[in-house]
C-alpha atoms as a PDB file:
ATOM      1  CA  MET A   1     -19.870  21.747   4.189  1.00  0.00           C
ATOM      2  CA  LEU A   2     -17.853  23.919   6.088  1.00  0.00           C
ATOM      3  CA  ALA A   3     -20.514  24.296   8.887  1.00  0.00           C
ATOM      4  CA  GLU A   4     -18.433  22.110  11.510  1.00  0.00           C
ATOM      5  CA  VAL A   5     -21.617  19.915  12.331  1.00  0.00           C
ATOM      6  CA  GLY A   6     -22.942  16.369  12.001  1.00  0.00           C
ATOM      7  CA  PRO A   7     -20.426  14.379   9.695  1.00  0.00           C
ATOM      8  CA  GLY A   8     -18.822  17.335   9.551  1.00  0.00           C
ATOM      9  CA  ALA A   9     -17.845  18.178  13.352  1.00  0.00           C
ATOM     10  CA  TYR A  10     -14.035  17.568  14.688  1.00  0.00           C
ATOM     11  CA  ALA A  11     -12.091  17.748  17.917  1.00  0.00           C
ATOM     12  CA  LEU A  12     -10.329  20.620  19.018  1.00  0.00           C
ATOM     13  CA  ARG A  13      -7.152  19.164  19.297  1.00  0.00           C
ATOM     14  CA  VAL A  14      -3.531  20.953  19.383  1.00  0.00           C
ATOM     15  CA  ASP A  15      -2.530  22.429  16.511  1.00  0.00           C
ATOM     16  CA  VAL A  16       0.908  20.792  16.316  1.00  0.00           C
ATOM     17  CA  PRO A  17       2.138  17.680  14.309  1.00  0.00           C
ATOM     18  CA  GLU A  18       1.934  14.292  16.152  1.00  0.00           C
ATOM     19  CA  LYS A  19       5.554  13.226  17.165  1.00  0.00           C
ATOM     20  CA  MET A  20       7.402  10.062  17.338  1.00  0.00           C
ATOM     21  CA  HIS A  21       9.771   9.375  20.291  1.00  0.00           C
ATOM     22  CA  ASP A  22      12.496  10.588  18.473  1.00  0.00           C
ATOM     23  CA  GLY A  23      11.282  13.921  17.108  1.00  0.00           C
ATOM     24  CA  ARG A  24      10.482  13.310  13.963  1.00  0.00           C
ATOM     25  CA  ASP A  25       6.375  14.083  12.640  1.00  0.00           C
ATOM     26  CA  LEU A  26       4.541  11.000  13.087  1.00  0.00           C
ATOM     27  CA  ILE A  27       2.860  11.301   9.046  1.00  0.00           C
ATOM     28  CA  ALA A  28       5.042  12.475   6.929  1.00  0.00           C
ATOM     29  CA  PRO A  29       4.878  12.628   3.017  1.00  0.00           C
ATOM     30  CA  LEU A  30       7.311  10.358   0.991  1.00  0.00           C
ATOM     31  CA  ARG A  31       9.433  12.432   0.023  1.00  0.00           C
ATOM     32  CA  VAL A  32      10.163  13.627   3.432  1.00  0.00           C
ATOM     33  CA  ALA A  33      10.208   9.783   5.195  1.00  0.00           C
ATOM     34  CA  THR A  34      12.252   8.529   2.283  1.00  0.00           C
ATOM     35  CA  ASN A  35      13.214   4.846   4.104  1.00  0.00           C
ATOM     36  CA  PHE A  36       9.038   4.312   3.182  1.00  0.00           C
ATOM     37  CA  ALA A  37       7.928   3.112  -0.410  1.00  0.00           C
ATOM     38  CA  VAL A  38       4.731   1.758  -1.602  1.00  0.00           C
ATOM     39  CA  SER A  39       5.256  -1.898  -1.964  1.00  0.00           C
ATOM     40  CA  SER A  40       5.477  -3.118  -5.059  1.00  0.00           C
ATOM     41  CA  GLU A  41       2.697  -5.577  -4.614  1.00  0.00           C
ATOM     42  CA  ASP A  42       0.625  -2.778  -4.795  1.00  0.00           C
ATOM     43  CA  PRO A  43      -0.081  -0.104  -7.453  1.00  0.00           C
ATOM     44  CA  ASN A  44       1.639   2.901  -6.818  1.00  0.00           C
ATOM     45  CA  PRO A  45      -0.811   6.076  -6.847  1.00  0.00           C
ATOM     46  CA  ILE A  46       1.605   8.799  -7.451  1.00  0.00           C
ATOM     47  CA  GLY A  47       0.411  10.064 -10.944  1.00  0.00           C
ATOM     48  CA  MET A  48      -2.959   8.696 -10.650  1.00  0.00           C
ATOM     49  CA  GLU A  49      -6.009  10.909 -11.434  1.00  0.00           C
ATOM     50  CA  VAL A  50      -8.856  11.707  -9.027  1.00  0.00           C
ATOM     51  CA  VAL A  51     -12.084  11.058 -10.039  1.00  0.00           C
ATOM     52  CA  ALA A  52     -14.727  12.863  -7.556  1.00  0.00           C
ATOM     53  CA  ALA A  53     -18.426  11.532  -6.823  1.00  0.00           C
ATOM     54  CA  ASP A  54     -19.372  13.825 -10.154  1.00  0.00           C
ATOM     55  CA  ARG A  55     -17.537  11.197 -12.284  1.00  0.00           C
ATOM     56  CA  ARG A  56     -14.958  14.471 -12.970  1.00  0.00           C
ATOM     57  CA  ILE A  57     -11.409  14.410 -12.402  1.00  0.00           C
ATOM     58  CA  ALA A  58     -10.261  16.652  -9.684  1.00  0.00           C
ATOM     59  CA  GLY A  59      -6.314  16.198  -9.885  1.00  0.00           C
ATOM     60  CA  VAL A  60      -3.575  13.766  -9.567  1.00  0.00           C
ATOM     61  CA  ILE A  61      -2.064  12.280  -6.515  1.00  0.00           C
ATOM     62  CA  LYS A  62       1.270  13.942  -6.341  1.00  0.00           C
ATOM     63  CA  ASP A  63       2.579  12.151  -3.151  1.00  0.00           C
ATOM     64  CA  ALA A  64       1.654   9.669  -0.175  1.00  0.00           C
ATOM     65  CA  TRP A  65       1.842  10.504   3.453  1.00  0.00           C
ATOM     66  CA  VAL A  66       2.440   7.693   5.565  1.00  0.00           C
ATOM     67  CA  ASP A  67       2.446   7.013   9.305  1.00  0.00           C
ATOM     68  CA  ARG A  68       5.708   6.073  10.143  1.00  0.00           C
ATOM     69  CA  ALA A  69       4.770   3.771  13.427  1.00  0.00           C
ATOM     70  CA  GLU A  70       2.050   1.827  12.171  1.00  0.00           C
ATOM     71  CA  ASP A  71       3.778   1.922   8.626  1.00  0.00           C
ATOM     72  CA  PHE A  72       0.776   2.513   6.133  1.00  0.00           C
ATOM     73  CA  LEU A  73      -0.202   5.028   3.988  1.00  0.00           C
ATOM     74  CA  ARG A  74      -2.734   8.132   5.747  1.00  0.00           C
ATOM     75  CA  PHE A  75      -3.356  10.616   2.972  1.00  0.00           C
ATOM     76  CA  TYR A  76      -2.719  10.916  -0.779  1.00  0.00           C
ATOM     77  CA  GLU A  77      -1.594  14.611  -1.610  1.00  0.00           C
ATOM     78  CA  VAL A  78      -3.583  15.511  -4.458  1.00  0.00           C
ATOM     79  CA  THR A  79      -2.346  18.640  -7.037  1.00  0.00           C
ATOM     80  CA  LEU A  80      -5.722  20.189  -7.986  1.00  0.00           C
ATOM     81  CA  SER A  81      -6.682  20.703 -11.587  1.00  0.00           C
ATOM     82  CA  GLU A  82      -6.326  24.148 -12.658  1.00  0.00           C
ATOM     83  CA  GLY A  83      -3.561  25.482 -10.862  1.00  0.00           C
ATOM     84  CA  ARG A  84      -5.538  25.499  -7.184  1.00  0.00           C
ATOM     85  CA  GLY A  85      -2.729  24.086  -5.093  1.00  0.00           C
ATOM     86  CA  ASP A  86      -2.188  20.583  -3.392  1.00  0.00           C
ATOM     87  CA  VAL A  87      -4.986  19.227  -0.778  1.00  0.00           C
ATOM     88  CA  LEU A  88      -4.835  15.933   1.254  1.00  0.00           C
ATOM     89  CA  LEU A  89      -6.954  13.059   0.731  1.00  0.00           C
ATOM     90  CA  PRO A  90      -7.101  10.463   3.761  1.00  0.00           C
ATOM     91  CA  VAL A  91      -6.580   7.004   2.921  1.00  0.00           C
ATOM     92  CA  PRO A  92     -10.317   5.914   3.794  1.00  0.00           C
ATOM     93  CA  PHE A  93     -12.123   8.193   1.491  1.00  0.00           C
ATOM     94  CA  ALA A  94     -10.300   7.035  -1.209  1.00  0.00           C
ATOM     95  CA  LYS A  95     -10.743   3.572  -3.407  1.00  0.00           C
ATOM     96  CA  VAL A  96      -7.803   2.931  -5.472  1.00  0.00           C
ATOM     97  CA  ASP A  97      -9.039   1.535  -9.053  1.00  0.00           C
ATOM     98  CA  GLY A  98      -4.898   0.012 -10.133  1.00  0.00           C
ATOM     99  CA  ALA A  99      -6.045  -1.242 -13.800  1.00  0.00           C
ATOM    100  CA  ARG A 100      -7.451   2.302 -14.755  1.00  0.00           C
ATOM    101  CA  ARG A 101      -4.793   4.351 -12.756  1.00  0.00           C
ATOM    102  CA  GLN A 102      -7.600   6.241 -10.858  1.00  0.00           C
ATOM    103  CA  ILE A 103      -8.342   7.068  -7.492  1.00  0.00           C
ATOM    104  CA  HIS A 104     -12.171   7.640  -6.869  1.00  0.00           C
ATOM    105  CA  VAL A 105     -13.920   9.430  -4.259  1.00  0.00           C
ATOM    106  CA  GLU A 106     -16.941   9.502  -3.837  1.00  0.00           C
ATOM    107  CA  ALA A 107     -17.663  11.911  -0.223  1.00  0.00           C
ATOM    108  CA  ILE A 108     -17.131  14.974  -2.565  1.00  0.00           C
ATOM    109  CA  LEU A 109     -17.179  16.322  -6.152  1.00  0.00           C
ATOM    110  CA  ALA A 110     -14.698  18.095  -7.809  1.00  0.00           C
ATOM    111  CA  ASP A 111     -15.041  21.924  -7.762  1.00  0.00           C
ATOM    112  CA  GLN A 112     -15.486  20.920  -3.720  1.00  0.00           C
ATOM    113  CA  PHE A 113     -11.810  20.103  -3.551  1.00  0.00           C
ATOM    114  CA  ALA A 114     -11.007  23.622  -3.849  1.00  0.00           C
ATOM    115  CA  ASN A 115     -12.165  23.756  -0.547  1.00  0.00           C
ATOM    116  CA  VAL A 116     -10.333  21.258   1.470  1.00  0.00           C
ATOM    117  CA  PRO A 117      -8.796  22.921   4.421  1.00  0.00           C
ATOM    118  CA  ARG A 118      -5.107  23.037   3.679  1.00  0.00           C
ATOM    119  CA  THR A 119      -1.876  22.640   5.658  1.00  0.00           C
ATOM    120  CA  ARG A 120       0.329  25.597   6.872  1.00  0.00           C
ATOM    121  CA  ASN A 121       3.414  23.496   6.068  1.00  0.00           C
ATOM    122  CA  PRO A 122       3.639  21.522   2.590  1.00  0.00           C
ATOM    123  CA  ASP A 123       5.593  18.811   4.548  1.00  0.00           C
ATOM    124  CA  GLN A 124       3.281  18.505   7.549  1.00  0.00           C
ATOM    125  CA  VAL A 125       0.294  17.774   9.040  1.00  0.00           C
ATOM    126  CA  THR A 126      -0.891  19.247  12.612  1.00  0.00           C
ATOM    127  CA  LEU A 127      -3.557  17.113  14.621  1.00  0.00           C
ATOM    128  CA  LEU A 128      -5.997  19.754  14.182  1.00  0.00           C
ATOM    129  CA  GLU A 129      -5.887  19.908  10.413  1.00  0.00           C
ATOM    130  CA  GLU A 130      -5.980  16.251  10.395  1.00  0.00           C
ATOM    131  CA  GLU A 131      -9.338  16.568  12.230  1.00  0.00           C
ATOM    132  CA  LYS A 132     -10.652  19.285   9.670  1.00  0.00           C
ATOM    133  CA  ILE A 133      -9.555  17.498   6.629  1.00  0.00           C
ATOM    134  CA  ALA A 134     -11.525  14.266   8.002  1.00  0.00           C
ATOM    135  CA  ALA A 135     -14.144  16.113   8.837  1.00  0.00           C
ATOM    136  CA  TYR A 136     -14.497  17.733   5.020  1.00  0.00           C
ATOM    137  CA  TYR A 137     -14.711  14.725   3.278  1.00  0.00           C
ATOM    138  CA  GLY A 138     -17.026  13.776   6.177  1.00  0.00           C
ATOM    139  CA  ALA A 139     -19.347  15.949   5.767  1.00  0.00           C
ATOM    140  CA  GLY A 140     -19.645  15.540   1.548  1.00  0.00           C
ATOM    141  CA  THR A 141     -21.250  11.900   2.606  1.00  0.00           C
ATOM    142  CA  LEU A 142     -23.907  14.330   3.777  1.00  0.00           C
ATOM    143  CA  TYR A 143     -24.004  17.119   2.165  1.00  0.00           C
ATOM    144  CA  ALA A 144     -21.858  17.392  -0.992  1.00  0.00           C
ATOM    145  CA  THR A 145     -25.492  17.517  -3.130  1.00  0.00           C
ATOM    146  CA  PRO A 146     -28.621  18.320  -2.131  1.00  0.00           C
ATOM    147  CA  ALA A 147     -29.840  14.783  -2.888  1.00  0.00           C
ATOM    148  CA  ARG A 148     -27.846  13.279  -0.193  1.00  0.00           C
ATOM    149  CA  VAL A 149     -29.889  15.381   2.235  1.00  0.00           C
ATOM    150  CA  GLU A 150     -32.681  13.937   1.783  1.00  0.00           C
ATOM    151  CA  PRO A 151     -34.367  10.999   3.582  1.00  0.00           C
ATOM    152  CA  LEU A 152     -34.561   7.777   1.257  1.00  0.00           C
ATOM    153  CA  LEU A 153     -38.128   6.477   1.721  1.00  0.00           C
END
């Protein structure tokens, strides 16, 4: 899944955070973008368990990252089980189950969360890091298990 081919390919974007007109980072965690919050009409993902494709718990949501210009969530920040650190999970790869307080990720297995590309700065994501993170989950949709690579016929 780290081969950077097929669904794991990515564009070589600049390795700096995208900025807003006023110089602030476009994408930021809610702990930094304090004038944003999860809508009271939606389940708050912070504290939810992250359930991987193998139905094992990969970690817990620590924070959510907002796109300040578009006013919606781009990433969930996951604190991995067993002290393996924090990784970002792109919102399109996550399905929120508010009733169970879980977020389901079909792209990768629980152990594979440990290899998600990391950000250099815990409060910033660069354009290149965004690409690599999304590509990793994209690669998982085809390569996370041997059964996914084989034809269905």
